[in-house]
Amino acid sequence: MTLQETNTAHGGKNGSPPGGKARRRKRSAPATDLYQDVTDKIIRELEKGAVPWVQPWGRPGIKTPLGLPTNASTGNAYSGVNILLLWGAAIETQRSTQNWLTYKQAKALGGQVRAGERGAMVVYADSYIPKAEKERAAEKGCAPQSFGFYKRYTVFNADQCEDLPKEHYAAAPLLPDCETIPRAEELIKSTGADFRIGGDRAFYSPGLDFVQVPPQPAFFDQINYYRTCLHELGHWTGHMSRLDRNLKTNKGTKDYAREELVAEMASAFMCAKLGIEPTVRHTDYIASWLTVLTEDKRAIFKAASLASKAADFILNCETPTDAPQEMAAAA
């Protein structure tokens, strides 16, 4: 499917100006560094103390519903850094749904993006094989190596569109903060993790492969019990028998900060899926995250991707499928 390349919806056919012939395209502007653009955006939010995967839901006056951003046409949830980009866009422009779609997808559903509406950027992973690499592989008789890259495209929120099927405008209600959440309880059990309740601190032991959290009444806000459980289960997915991340880290190191970033986002993604407002467990980690992101413009892409895989791993325990649906930004 051809993706719309402009950020603004036009009124004419195929995106051309209404009431006339398509204007000759201007020479495109120099390409910008997508990795750096996204990383700079995340850094600006963190420097303001607004953690992009958590902070929006705690701001007064925010009416955007909690939930994972979803492609309204395919039903697929967006993954990785796209969750952060679309959450930020939804909050900034006060959107009333977490449903997104391209200009052409809106038309295919019988709707239309309103003229003048500005879309949000998402990124799509792709790969290519350079000509020189094909020639090298042909000479050596081996498979050519492909190189991955991201490209950007534009999506619009359902509330920027007219005449879509009414279900695309609906928003799921949030759960009360202090209500026991049976679905969360069942999800924890369904993982099969060695999950222990007791003590006065929450942690995951990589060597012994178990999670321990204090009992729910020990939490000042009982909803934080679930946030904490999901965070520690995020670490649990990194065991060598599961997603095999580097868990041999020491507090204060960059590797430790990277793993905490993965677990924090994985918890936030799962919370959003369950209707629980996410929160930051350790605000003192923000400085170390800033260091990691400042030194590596690809770090947020990698961490968000690993967090999506961790969240998927746990959520798929709840509803196993023969071919787990990847939370992809497929249009």
C-alpha atoms as a PDB file:
ATOM      1  CA  MET A   1       0.000   0.000   0.000  1.00  0.00           C
ATOM      2  CA  THR A   2       1.329   3.444  -0.894  1.00  0.00           C
ATOM      3  CA  LEU A   3       1.681   5.590   2.190  1.00  0.00           C
ATOM      4  CA  GLN A   4       0.844   9.260   2.324  1.00  0.00           C
ATOM      5  CA  GLU A   5       4.015  11.294   2.423  1.00  0.00           C
ATOM      6  CA  THR A   6       2.684  14.665   3.508  1.00  0.00           C
ATOM      7  CA  ASN A   7       1.813  15.692   7.058  1.00  0.00           C
ATOM      8  CA  THR A   8      -1.297  17.651   6.124  1.00  0.00           C
ATOM      9  CA  ALA A   9      -4.560  16.361   4.674  1.00  0.00           C
ATOM     10  CA  HIS A  10      -5.617  17.951   1.380  1.00  0.00           C
ATOM     11  CA  GLY A  11      -9.076  18.184  -0.058  1.00  0.00           C
ATOM     12  CA  GLY A  12      -8.483  17.011  -3.625  1.00  0.00           C
ATOM     13  CA  LYS A  13      -8.201  13.589  -5.191  1.00  0.00           C
ATOM     14  CA  ASN A  14      -5.087  11.634  -4.227  1.00  0.00           C
ATOM     15  CA  GLY A  15      -3.928  14.492  -2.038  1.00  0.00           C
ATOM     16  CA  SER A  16      -3.848  17.156  -4.762  1.00  0.00           C
ATOM     17  CA  PRO A  17      -5.209  20.659  -4.035  1.00  0.00           C
ATOM     18  CA  PRO A  18      -9.022  20.761  -4.301  1.00  0.00           C
ATOM     19  CA  GLY A  19     -10.548  22.239  -7.451  1.00  0.00           C
ATOM     20  CA  GLY A  20      -7.519  22.091  -9.704  1.00  0.00           C
ATOM     21  CA  LYS A  21      -4.679  20.097 -11.182  1.00  0.00           C
ATOM     22  CA  ALA A  22      -1.991  18.737  -8.982  1.00  0.00           C
ATOM     23  CA  ARG A  23       0.793  21.257  -8.532  1.00  0.00           C
ATOM     24  CA  ARG A  24       4.269  20.375  -9.612  1.00  0.00           C
ATOM     25  CA  ARG A  25       6.119  18.916  -6.652  1.00  0.00           C
ATOM     26  CA  LYS A  26       8.769  21.083  -5.129  1.00  0.00           C
ATOM     27  CA  ARG A  27      12.239  19.696  -4.786  1.00  0.00           C
ATOM     28  CA  SER A  28      12.269  17.753  -1.544  1.00  0.00           C
ATOM     29  CA  ALA A  29      14.105  19.176   1.432  1.00  0.00           C
ATOM     30  CA  PRO A  30      17.338  17.501   2.562  1.00  0.00           C
ATOM     31  CA  ALA A  31      16.671  14.326   4.525  1.00  0.00           C
ATOM     32  CA  THR A  32      16.907  14.732   8.274  1.00  0.00           C
ATOM     33  CA  ASP A  33      18.327  12.177  10.703  1.00  0.00           C
ATOM     34  CA  LEU A  34      15.260  10.226  11.832  1.00  0.00           C
ATOM     35  CA  TYR A  35      17.090   8.603  14.757  1.00  0.00           C
ATOM     36  CA  GLN A  36      18.313  11.953  16.026  1.00  0.00           C
ATOM     37  CA  ASP A  37      14.921  13.648  15.540  1.00  0.00           C
ATOM     38  CA  VAL A  38      13.133  11.046  17.638  1.00  0.00           C
ATOM     39  CA  THR A  39      15.874  10.866  20.260  1.00  0.00           C
ATOM     40  CA  ASP A  40      15.962  14.658  20.661  1.00  0.00           C
ATOM     41  CA  LYS A  41      12.197  14.672  21.189  1.00  0.00           C
ATOM     42  CA  ILE A  42      12.432  12.050  23.954  1.00  0.00           C
ATOM     43  CA  ILE A  43      15.372  13.861  25.569  1.00  0.00           C
ATOM     44  CA  ARG A  44      13.453  17.162  25.653  1.00  0.00           C
ATOM     45  CA  GLU A  45      10.576  15.452  27.458  1.00  0.00           C
ATOM     46  CA  LEU A  46      12.865  13.754  29.982  1.00  0.00           C
ATOM     47  CA  GLU A  47      14.709  17.006  30.670  1.00  0.00           C
ATOM     48  CA  LYS A  48      11.351  18.574  31.554  1.00  0.00           C
ATOM     49  CA  GLY A  49      10.659  15.678  33.918  1.00  0.00           C
ATOM     50  CA  ALA A  50       7.869  14.401  31.657  1.00  0.00           C
ATOM     51  CA  VAL A  51       8.598  10.721  31.055  1.00  0.00           C
ATOM     52  CA  PRO A  52       7.041  10.086  27.612  1.00  0.00           C
ATOM     53  CA  TRP A  53       5.703   6.609  28.379  1.00  0.00           C
ATOM     54  CA  VAL A  54       4.144   7.612  31.710  1.00  0.00           C
ATOM     55  CA  GLN A  55       3.824  11.296  32.456  1.00  0.00           C
ATOM     56  CA  PRO A  56       1.001  12.261  30.047  1.00  0.00           C
ATOM     57  CA  TRP A  57      -1.660  10.323  31.919  1.00  0.00           C
ATOM     58  CA  GLY A  58      -0.975  12.165  35.179  1.00  0.00           C
ATOM     59  CA  ARG A  59      -1.325  15.673  33.781  1.00  0.00           C
ATOM     60  CA  PRO A  60      -4.440  17.595  34.829  1.00  0.00           C
ATOM     61  CA  GLY A  61      -7.001  18.179  32.095  1.00  0.00           C
ATOM     62  CA  ILE A  62      -5.790  15.349  29.869  1.00  0.00           C
ATOM     63  CA  LYS A  63      -8.780  13.604  28.311  1.00  0.00           C
ATOM     64  CA  THR A  64      -6.937  11.297  25.934  1.00  0.00           C
ATOM     65  CA  PRO A  65      -7.846   7.727  26.903  1.00  0.00           C
ATOM     66  CA  LEU A  66      -5.216   5.308  28.102  1.00  0.00           C
ATOM     67  CA  GLY A  67      -4.453   2.396  25.801  1.00  0.00           C
ATOM     68  CA  LEU A  68      -1.985   1.188  23.217  1.00  0.00           C
ATOM     69  CA  PRO A  69      -2.152   3.089  19.929  1.00  0.00           C
ATOM     70  CA  THR A  70      -3.755   0.873  17.316  1.00  0.00           C
ATOM     71  CA  ASN A  71      -4.106   0.960  13.562  1.00  0.00           C
ATOM     72  CA  ALA A  72      -7.855   1.348  13.028  1.00  0.00           C
ATOM     73  CA  SER A  73      -7.753  -0.389   9.659  1.00  0.00           C
ATOM     74  CA  THR A  74      -5.716  -3.495  10.500  1.00  0.00           C
ATOM     75  CA  GLY A  75      -6.471  -3.758  14.218  1.00  0.00           C
ATOM     76  CA  ASN A  76      -2.737  -4.166  14.930  1.00  0.00           C
ATOM     77  CA  ALA A  77      -1.250  -2.359  17.905  1.00  0.00           C
ATOM     78  CA  TYR A  78       1.758  -0.161  17.141  1.00  0.00           C
ATOM     79  CA  SER A  79       5.043  -1.235  18.693  1.00  0.00           C
ATOM     80  CA  GLY A  80       8.324   0.083  19.996  1.00  0.00           C
ATOM     81  CA  VAL A  81       9.133   3.738  19.532  1.00  0.00           C
ATOM     82  CA  ASN A  82       5.847   4.259  17.637  1.00  0.00           C
ATOM     83  CA  ILE A  83       3.974   3.867  20.937  1.00  0.00           C
ATOM     84  CA  LEU A  84       5.945   6.783  22.377  1.00  0.00           C
ATOM     85  CA  LEU A  85       5.504   8.903  19.245  1.00  0.00           C
ATOM     86  CA  LEU A  86       1.735   8.361  19.060  1.00  0.00           C
ATOM     87  CA  TRP A  87       1.152   8.750  22.791  1.00  0.00           C
ATOM     88  CA  GLY A  88       2.999  12.060  22.605  1.00  0.00           C
ATOM     89  CA  ALA A  89       1.009  13.200  19.571  1.00  0.00           C
ATOM     90  CA  ALA A  90      -2.295  12.165  21.158  1.00  0.00           C
ATOM     91  CA  ILE A  91      -1.577  14.095  24.359  1.00  0.00           C
ATOM     92  CA  GLU A  92      -0.134  17.164  22.625  1.00  0.00           C
ATOM     93  CA  THR A  93      -3.145  17.545  20.331  1.00  0.00           C
ATOM     94  CA  GLN A  94      -5.737  16.269  22.876  1.00  0.00           C
ATOM     95  CA  ARG A  95      -6.998  13.332  20.833  1.00  0.00           C
ATOM     96  CA  SER A  96     -10.001  11.405  22.090  1.00  0.00           C
ATOM     97  CA  THR A  97      -9.000   7.942  20.814  1.00  0.00           C
ATOM     98  CA  GLN A  98      -5.918   5.756  20.439  1.00  0.00           C
ATOM     99  CA  ASN A  99      -6.975   4.716  16.914  1.00  0.00           C
ATOM    100  CA  TRP A 100      -4.774   5.845  14.014  1.00  0.00           C
ATOM    101  CA  LEU A 101      -4.759   5.268  10.261  1.00  0.00           C
ATOM    102  CA  THR A 102      -3.286   6.585   7.037  1.00  0.00           C
ATOM    103  CA  TYR A 103      -5.121   8.914   4.660  1.00  0.00           C
ATOM    104  CA  LYS A 104      -5.847   6.044   2.260  1.00  0.00           C
ATOM    105  CA  GLN A 105      -6.990   3.727   5.029  1.00  0.00           C
ATOM    106  CA  ALA A 106      -9.526   6.321   6.170  1.00  0.00           C
ATOM    107  CA  LYS A 107     -10.940   6.484   2.635  1.00  0.00           C
ATOM    108  CA  ALA A 108     -11.032   2.688   2.377  1.00  0.00           C
ATOM    109  CA  LEU A 109     -13.179   2.592   5.517  1.00  0.00           C
ATOM    110  CA  GLY A 110     -15.639   5.059   3.975  1.00  0.00           C
ATOM    111  CA  GLY A 111     -14.278   8.053   5.860  1.00  0.00           C
ATOM    112  CA  GLN A 112     -12.209  11.112   5.070  1.00  0.00           C
ATOM    113  CA  VAL A 113      -9.477  13.023   6.892  1.00  0.00           C
ATOM    114  CA  ARG A 114     -10.763  16.549   7.430  1.00  0.00           C
ATOM    115  CA  ALA A 115      -9.040  19.138   5.246  1.00  0.00           C
ATOM    116  CA  GLY A 116      -6.208  20.936   7.018  1.00  0.00           C
ATOM    117  CA  GLU A 117      -5.651  18.276   9.692  1.00  0.00           C
ATOM    118  CA  ARG A 118      -2.011  17.609  10.526  1.00  0.00           C
ATOM    119  CA  GLY A 119      -0.893  14.019  10.911  1.00  0.00           C
ATOM    120  CA  ALA A 120       1.561  12.372  13.291  1.00  0.00           C
ATOM    121  CA  MET A 121       4.816  10.716  12.340  1.00  0.00           C
ATOM    122  CA  VAL A 122       5.408   7.001  12.800  1.00  0.00           C
ATOM    123  CA  VAL A 123       8.342   4.953  11.611  1.00  0.00           C
ATOM    124  CA  TYR A 124       8.459   1.685   9.708  1.00  0.00           C
ATOM    125  CA  ALA A 125      11.329  -0.793   9.768  1.00  0.00           C
ATOM    126  CA  ASP A 126      12.568  -1.877   6.357  1.00  0.00           C
ATOM    127  CA  SER A 127      15.729  -3.314   4.843  1.00  0.00           C
ATOM    128  CA  TYR A 128      17.661  -3.258   1.574  1.00  0.00           C
ATOM    129  CA  ILE A 129      20.623  -4.965  -0.093  1.00  0.00           C
ATOM    130  CA  PRO A 130      23.124  -2.610  -1.744  1.00  0.00           C
ATOM    131  CA  LYS A 131      24.291  -3.445  -5.248  1.00  0.00           C
ATOM    132  CA  ALA A 132      27.882  -3.909  -4.081  1.00  0.00           C
ATOM    133  CA  GLU A 133      26.736  -6.395  -1.450  1.00  0.00           C
ATOM    134  CA  LYS A 134      24.783  -8.394  -4.058  1.00  0.00           C
ATOM    135  CA  GLU A 135      27.881  -8.533  -6.254  1.00  0.00           C
ATOM    136  CA  ARG A 136      30.087  -9.587  -3.320  1.00  0.00           C
ATOM    137  CA  ALA A 137      27.667 -12.359  -2.358  1.00  0.00           C
ATOM    138  CA  ALA A 138      27.420 -13.573  -5.956  1.00  0.00           C
ATOM    139  CA  GLU A 139      31.210 -13.787  -6.228  1.00  0.00           C
ATOM    140  CA  LYS A 140      31.560 -15.715  -2.968  1.00  0.00           C
ATOM    141  CA  GLY A 141      28.441 -17.828  -3.513  1.00  0.00           C
ATOM    142  CA  CYS A 142      26.869 -16.814  -0.216  1.00  0.00           C
ATOM    143  CA  ALA A 143      23.678 -15.067   0.851  1.00  0.00           C
ATOM    144  CA  PRO A 144      23.836 -11.260   0.657  1.00  0.00           C
ATOM    145  CA  GLN A 145      23.594  -9.277   3.883  1.00  0.00           C
ATOM    146  CA  SER A 146      20.651  -6.930   4.191  1.00  0.00           C
ATOM    147  CA  PHE A 147      20.839  -3.602   6.033  1.00  0.00           C
ATOM    148  CA  GLY A 148      17.992  -2.395   8.197  1.00  0.00           C
ATOM    149  CA  PHE A 149      16.704   1.171   8.335  1.00  0.00           C
ATOM    150  CA  TYR A 150      13.637   3.123   9.408  1.00  0.00           C
ATOM    151  CA  LYS A 151      11.472   5.302   7.200  1.00  0.00           C
ATOM    152  CA  ARG A 152       8.807   7.704   8.355  1.00  0.00           C
ATOM    153  CA  TYR A 153       5.224   8.088   7.278  1.00  0.00           C
ATOM    154  CA  THR A 154       2.087   9.888   8.431  1.00  0.00           C
ATOM    155  CA  VAL A 155      -1.017   8.712  10.264  1.00  0.00           C
ATOM    156  CA  PHE A 156      -4.111  10.531  11.518  1.00  0.00           C
ATOM    157  CA  ASN A 157      -6.171   9.964  14.626  1.00  0.00           C
ATOM    158  CA  ALA A 158      -9.722   8.720  14.119  1.00  0.00           C
ATOM    159  CA  ASP A 159     -11.082  11.947  15.619  1.00  0.00           C
ATOM    160  CA  GLN A 160      -9.415  13.854  12.759  1.00  0.00           C
ATOM    161  CA  CYS A 161     -11.641  11.952  10.340  1.00  0.00           C
ATOM    162  CA  GLU A 162     -15.280  12.063   9.317  1.00  0.00           C
ATOM    163  CA  ASP A 163     -17.673   9.201   8.515  1.00  0.00           C
ATOM    164  CA  LEU A 164     -15.589   6.335   9.896  1.00  0.00           C
ATOM    165  CA  PRO A 165     -17.477   3.364  11.403  1.00  0.00           C
ATOM    166  CA  LYS A 166     -18.513   4.474  14.884  1.00  0.00           C
ATOM    167  CA  GLU A 167     -16.453   1.819  16.714  1.00  0.00           C
ATOM    168  CA  HIS A 168     -13.265   3.641  15.711  1.00  0.00           C
ATOM    169  CA  TYR A 169     -14.266   6.662  17.804  1.00  0.00           C
ATOM    170  CA  ALA A 170     -14.852   4.684  21.008  1.00  0.00           C
ATOM    171  CA  ALA A 171     -12.495   4.838  24.000  1.00  0.00           C
ATOM    172  CA  ALA A 172     -12.248   2.196  26.699  1.00  0.00           C
ATOM    173  CA  PRO A 173     -13.002   3.515  30.228  1.00  0.00           C
ATOM    174  CA  LEU A 174     -10.231   3.496  32.836  1.00  0.00           C
ATOM    175  CA  LEU A 175     -10.431   1.249  35.858  1.00  0.00           C
ATOM    176  CA  PRO A 176     -10.670   2.755  39.378  1.00  0.00           C
ATOM    177  CA  ASP A 177      -7.270   3.074  41.060  1.00  0.00           C
ATOM    178  CA  CYS A 178      -7.971   0.816  44.054  1.00  0.00           C
ATOM    179  CA  GLU A 179      -9.908  -1.965  42.415  1.00  0.00           C
ATOM    180  CA  THR A 180      -8.504  -5.470  42.336  1.00  0.00           C
ATOM    181  CA  ILE A 181      -7.967  -6.290  38.696  1.00  0.00           C
ATOM    182  CA  PRO A 182      -8.796  -9.938  37.966  1.00  0.00           C
ATOM    183  CA  ARG A 183      -7.309  -9.789  34.474  1.00  0.00           C
ATOM    184  CA  ALA A 184      -3.978  -8.582  35.860  1.00  0.00           C
ATOM    185  CA  GLU A 185      -4.038 -11.317  38.494  1.00  0.00           C
ATOM    186  CA  GLU A 186      -4.701 -13.944  35.847  1.00  0.00           C
ATOM    187  CA  LEU A 187      -1.998 -12.543  33.574  1.00  0.00           C
ATOM    188  CA  ILE A 188       0.605 -12.815  36.354  1.00  0.00           C
ATOM    189  CA  LYS A 189      -0.404 -16.431  37.004  1.00  0.00           C
ATOM    190  CA  SER A 190      -0.488 -17.318  33.318  1.00  0.00           C
ATOM    191  CA  THR A 191       3.213 -16.474  32.871  1.00  0.00           C
ATOM    192  CA  GLY A 192       4.172 -19.470  35.002  1.00  0.00           C
ATOM    193  CA  ALA A 193       6.846 -17.310  36.645  1.00  0.00           C
ATOM    194  CA  ASP A 194       8.138 -18.218  40.112  1.00  0.00           C
ATOM    195  CA  PHE A 195       6.297 -15.276  41.648  1.00  0.00           C
ATOM    196  CA  ARG A 196       6.755 -14.732  45.385  1.00  0.00           C
ATOM    197  CA  ILE A 197       4.862 -12.277  47.568  1.00  0.00           C
ATOM    198  CA  GLY A 198       6.523 -11.008  50.727  1.00  0.00           C
ATOM    199  CA  GLY A 199       9.295  -8.862  52.107  1.00  0.00           C
ATOM    200  CA  ASP A 200       9.626  -5.113  51.828  1.00  0.00           C
ATOM    201  CA  ARG A 201      11.155  -4.683  48.372  1.00  0.00           C
ATOM    202  CA  ALA A 202      10.430  -5.675  44.778  1.00  0.00           C
ATOM    203  CA  PHE A 203      13.063  -7.337  42.626  1.00  0.00           C
ATOM    204  CA  TYR A 204      13.831 -10.010  40.037  1.00  0.00           C
ATOM    205  CA  SER A 205      16.647 -12.468  40.735  1.00  0.00           C
ATOM    206  CA  PRO A 206      18.255 -13.505  37.405  1.00  0.00           C
ATOM    207  CA  GLY A 207      20.413 -16.193  39.034  1.00  0.00           C
ATOM    208  CA  LEU A 208      17.531 -17.934  40.823  1.00  0.00           C
ATOM    209  CA  ASP A 209      14.947 -16.840  38.244  1.00  0.00           C
ATOM    210  CA  PHE A 210      12.180 -15.608  40.536  1.00  0.00           C
ATOM    211  CA  VAL A 211      10.227 -12.402  41.099  1.00  0.00           C
ATOM    212  CA  GLN A 212       9.414 -11.090  44.555  1.00  0.00           C
ATOM    213  CA  VAL A 213       7.119  -8.186  45.438  1.00  0.00           C
ATOM    214  CA  PRO A 214       5.672  -6.966  48.749  1.00  0.00           C
ATOM    215  CA  PRO A 215       2.016  -7.834  49.458  1.00  0.00           C
ATOM    216  CA  GLN A 216      -0.526  -5.468  47.914  1.00  0.00           C
ATOM    217  CA  PRO A 217      -1.621  -3.843  51.221  1.00  0.00           C
ATOM    218  CA  ALA A 218       1.976  -2.665  51.694  1.00  0.00           C
ATOM    219  CA  PHE A 219       1.573  -0.237  48.775  1.00  0.00           C
ATOM    220  CA  PHE A 220       0.291   3.225  49.652  1.00  0.00           C
ATOM    221  CA  ASP A 221      -1.634   3.245  46.367  1.00  0.00           C
ATOM    222  CA  GLN A 222      -2.642  -0.357  45.838  1.00  0.00           C
ATOM    223  CA  ILE A 223      -2.700   0.032  42.060  1.00  0.00           C
ATOM    224  CA  ASN A 224       1.098   0.381  42.281  1.00  0.00           C
ATOM    225  CA  TYR A 225       1.224  -3.291  43.179  1.00  0.00           C
ATOM    226  CA  TYR A 226       0.267  -4.200  39.617  1.00  0.00           C
ATOM    227  CA  ARG A 227       2.609  -1.638  38.098  1.00  0.00           C
ATOM    228  CA  THR A 228       5.444  -3.122  40.145  1.00  0.00           C
ATOM    229  CA  CYS A 229       4.529  -6.720  39.284  1.00  0.00           C
ATOM    230  CA  LEU A 230       4.576  -5.918  35.580  1.00  0.00           C
ATOM    231  CA  HIS A 231       7.888  -4.075  35.867  1.00  0.00           C
ATOM    232  CA  GLU A 232       9.571  -7.043  37.546  1.00  0.00           C
ATOM    233  CA  LEU A 233       8.013  -9.448  35.044  1.00  0.00           C
ATOM    234  CA  GLY A 234       9.518  -7.206  32.359  1.00  0.00           C
ATOM    235  CA  HIS A 235      12.950  -8.052  33.806  1.00  0.00           C
ATOM    236  CA  TRP A 236      11.905 -11.729  34.052  1.00  0.00           C
ATOM    237  CA  THR A 237      11.445 -11.903  30.266  1.00  0.00           C
ATOM    238  CA  GLY A 238      15.143 -11.131  29.832  1.00  0.00           C
ATOM    239  CA  HIS A 239      16.258 -14.491  31.247  1.00  0.00           C
ATOM    240  CA  MET A 240      18.412 -16.553  28.847  1.00  0.00           C
ATOM    241  CA  SER A 241      15.603 -19.118  28.517  1.00  0.00           C
ATOM    242  CA  ARG A 242      13.187 -16.422  27.278  1.00  0.00           C
ATOM    243  CA  LEU A 243      14.271 -13.271  25.424  1.00  0.00           C
ATOM    244  CA  ASP A 244      17.930 -13.518  26.522  1.00  0.00           C
ATOM    245  CA  ARG A 245      18.855  -9.917  27.362  1.00  0.00           C
ATOM    246  CA  ASN A 246      21.943  -8.862  29.305  1.00  0.00           C
ATOM    247  CA  LEU A 247      20.843  -9.021  32.951  1.00  0.00           C
ATOM    248  CA  LYS A 248      24.346  -9.227  34.438  1.00  0.00           C
ATOM    249  CA  THR A 249      24.496  -5.529  35.224  1.00  0.00           C
ATOM    250  CA  ASN A 250      25.504  -3.445  38.201  1.00  0.00           C
ATOM    251  CA  LYS A 251      23.504  -0.502  39.507  1.00  0.00           C
ATOM    252  CA  GLY A 252      24.850   2.789  38.210  1.00  0.00           C
ATOM    253  CA  THR A 253      26.168   1.374  34.934  1.00  0.00           C
ATOM    254  CA  LYS A 254      24.854   2.176  31.467  1.00  0.00           C
ATOM    255  CA  ASP A 255      23.827  -1.454  30.907  1.00  0.00           C
ATOM    256  CA  TYR A 256      21.775  -1.281  34.119  1.00  0.00           C
ATOM    257  CA  ALA A 257      20.109   1.928  32.923  1.00  0.00           C
ATOM    258  CA  ARG A 258      19.302   0.309  29.555  1.00  0.00           C
ATOM    259  CA  GLU A 259      17.648  -2.706  31.204  1.00  0.00           C
ATOM    260  CA  GLU A 260      15.651  -0.482  33.577  1.00  0.00           C
ATOM    261  CA  LEU A 261      14.499   1.528  30.563  1.00  0.00           C
ATOM    262  CA  VAL A 262      13.271  -1.673  28.897  1.00  0.00           C
ATOM    263  CA  ALA A 263      11.433  -2.861  32.036  1.00  0.00           C
ATOM    264  CA  GLU A 264       9.888   0.582  32.651  1.00  0.00           C
ATOM    265  CA  MET A 265       8.505   0.818  29.126  1.00  0.00           C
ATOM    266  CA  ALA A 266       7.397  -2.829  29.062  1.00  0.00           C
ATOM    267  CA  SER A 267       5.406  -2.197  32.248  1.00  0.00           C
ATOM    268  CA  ALA A 268       3.891   0.971  30.771  1.00  0.00           C
ATOM    269  CA  PHE A 269       2.877  -0.858  27.581  1.00  0.00           C
ATOM    270  CA  MET A 270       1.257  -3.689  29.551  1.00  0.00           C
ATOM    271  CA  CYS A 271      -0.458  -1.249  31.911  1.00  0.00           C
ATOM    272  CA  ALA A 272      -1.940   0.554  28.927  1.00  0.00           C
ATOM    273  CA  LYS A 273      -3.227  -2.738  27.532  1.00  0.00           C
ATOM    274  CA  LEU A 274      -4.858  -3.594  30.875  1.00  0.00           C
ATOM    275  CA  GLY A 275      -6.310  -0.113  31.453  1.00  0.00           C
ATOM    276  CA  ILE A 276      -3.982   0.723  34.346  1.00  0.00           C
ATOM    277  CA  GLU A 277      -2.368   4.152  34.359  1.00  0.00           C
ATOM    278  CA  PRO A 278       1.421   3.585  34.222  1.00  0.00           C
ATOM    279  CA  THR A 279       3.827   5.411  36.500  1.00  0.00           C
ATOM    280  CA  VAL A 280       7.573   5.905  36.957  1.00  0.00           C
ATOM    281  CA  ARG A 281       8.885   3.637  39.707  1.00  0.00           C
ATOM    282  CA  HIS A 282      12.277   5.318  40.074  1.00  0.00           C
ATOM    283  CA  THR A 283      12.525   8.960  39.020  1.00  0.00           C
ATOM    284  CA  ASP A 284      16.217   8.924  39.969  1.00  0.00           C
ATOM    285  CA  TYR A 285      16.839   6.812  36.856  1.00  0.00           C
ATOM    286  CA  ILE A 286      15.992   9.725  34.571  1.00  0.00           C
ATOM    287  CA  ALA A 287      19.531  11.154  34.670  1.00  0.00           C
ATOM    288  CA  SER A 288      21.055   7.810  33.679  1.00  0.00           C
ATOM    289  CA  TRP A 289      18.517   7.391  30.856  1.00  0.00           C
ATOM    290  CA  LEU A 290      19.430  10.843  29.565  1.00  0.00           C
ATOM    291  CA  THR A 291      23.098   9.836  29.501  1.00  0.00           C
ATOM    292  CA  VAL A 292      22.339   6.686  27.502  1.00  0.00           C
ATOM    293  CA  LEU A 293      20.088   8.506  25.013  1.00  0.00           C
ATOM    294  CA  THR A 294      22.473  11.432  24.576  1.00  0.00           C
ATOM    295  CA  GLU A 295      25.377   9.139  23.734  1.00  0.00           C
ATOM    296  CA  ASP A 296      23.468   6.835  21.384  1.00  0.00           C
ATOM    297  CA  LYS A 297      20.738   8.132  19.081  1.00  0.00           C
ATOM    298  CA  ARG A 298      19.561   4.564  18.408  1.00  0.00           C
ATOM    299  CA  ALA A 299      19.205   3.623  22.096  1.00  0.00           C
ATOM    300  CA  ILE A 300      15.542   4.635  22.430  1.00  0.00           C
ATOM    301  CA  PHE A 301      14.638   2.673  19.277  1.00  0.00           C
ATOM    302  CA  LYS A 302      16.343  -0.454  20.622  1.00  0.00           C
ATOM    303  CA  ALA A 303      14.957  -0.095  24.159  1.00  0.00           C
ATOM    304  CA  ALA A 304      11.400   0.498  22.924  1.00  0.00           C
ATOM    305  CA  SER A 305      11.657  -2.492  20.579  1.00  0.00           C
ATOM    306  CA  LEU A 306      12.906  -4.755  23.384  1.00  0.00           C
ATOM    307  CA  ALA A 307      10.148  -3.423  25.662  1.00  0.00           C
ATOM    308  CA  SER A 308       7.493  -4.285  23.080  1.00  0.00           C
ATOM    309  CA  LYS A 309       8.905  -7.796  22.762  1.00  0.00           C
ATOM    310  CA  ALA A 310       8.879  -8.176  26.558  1.00  0.00           C
ATOM    311  CA  ALA A 311       5.290  -6.920  26.814  1.00  0.00           C
ATOM    312  CA  ASP A 312       4.215  -9.201  23.952  1.00  0.00           C
ATOM    313  CA  PHE A 313       5.906 -12.188  25.582  1.00  0.00           C
ATOM    314  CA  ILE A 314       3.876 -11.704  28.767  1.00  0.00           C
ATOM    315  CA  LEU A 315       0.594 -10.700  27.136  1.00  0.00           C
ATOM    316  CA  ASN A 316       0.786 -13.721  24.833  1.00  0.00           C
ATOM    317  CA  CYS A 317       0.820 -15.926  27.939  1.00  0.00           C
ATOM    318  CA  GLU A 318      -2.748 -14.741  28.492  1.00  0.00           C
ATOM    319  CA  THR A 319      -3.994 -15.629  25.010  1.00  0.00           C
ATOM    320  CA  PRO A 320      -1.546 -17.991  23.297  1.00  0.00           C
ATOM    321  CA  THR A 321      -1.759 -18.125  19.511  1.00  0.00           C
ATOM    322  CA  ASP A 322      -0.099 -20.291  16.899  1.00  0.00           C
ATOM    323  CA  ALA A 323       1.439 -17.177  15.367  1.00  0.00           C
ATOM    324  CA  PRO A 324       1.553 -14.320  17.913  1.00  0.00           C
ATOM    325  CA  GLN A 325       0.475 -11.055  16.325  1.00  0.00           C
ATOM    326  CA  GLU A 326       3.413  -8.690  16.363  1.00  0.00           C
ATOM    327  CA  MET A 327       2.617  -5.179  17.596  1.00  0.00           C
ATOM    328  CA  ALA A 328       3.707  -3.746  14.259  1.00  0.00           C
ATOM    329  CA  ALA A 329       3.116  -0.419  12.645  1.00  0.00           C
ATOM    330  CA  ALA A 330       1.915  -2.103   9.473  1.00  0.00           C
ATOM    331  CA  ALA A 331      -0.394   0.029   7.383  1.00  0.00           C
END
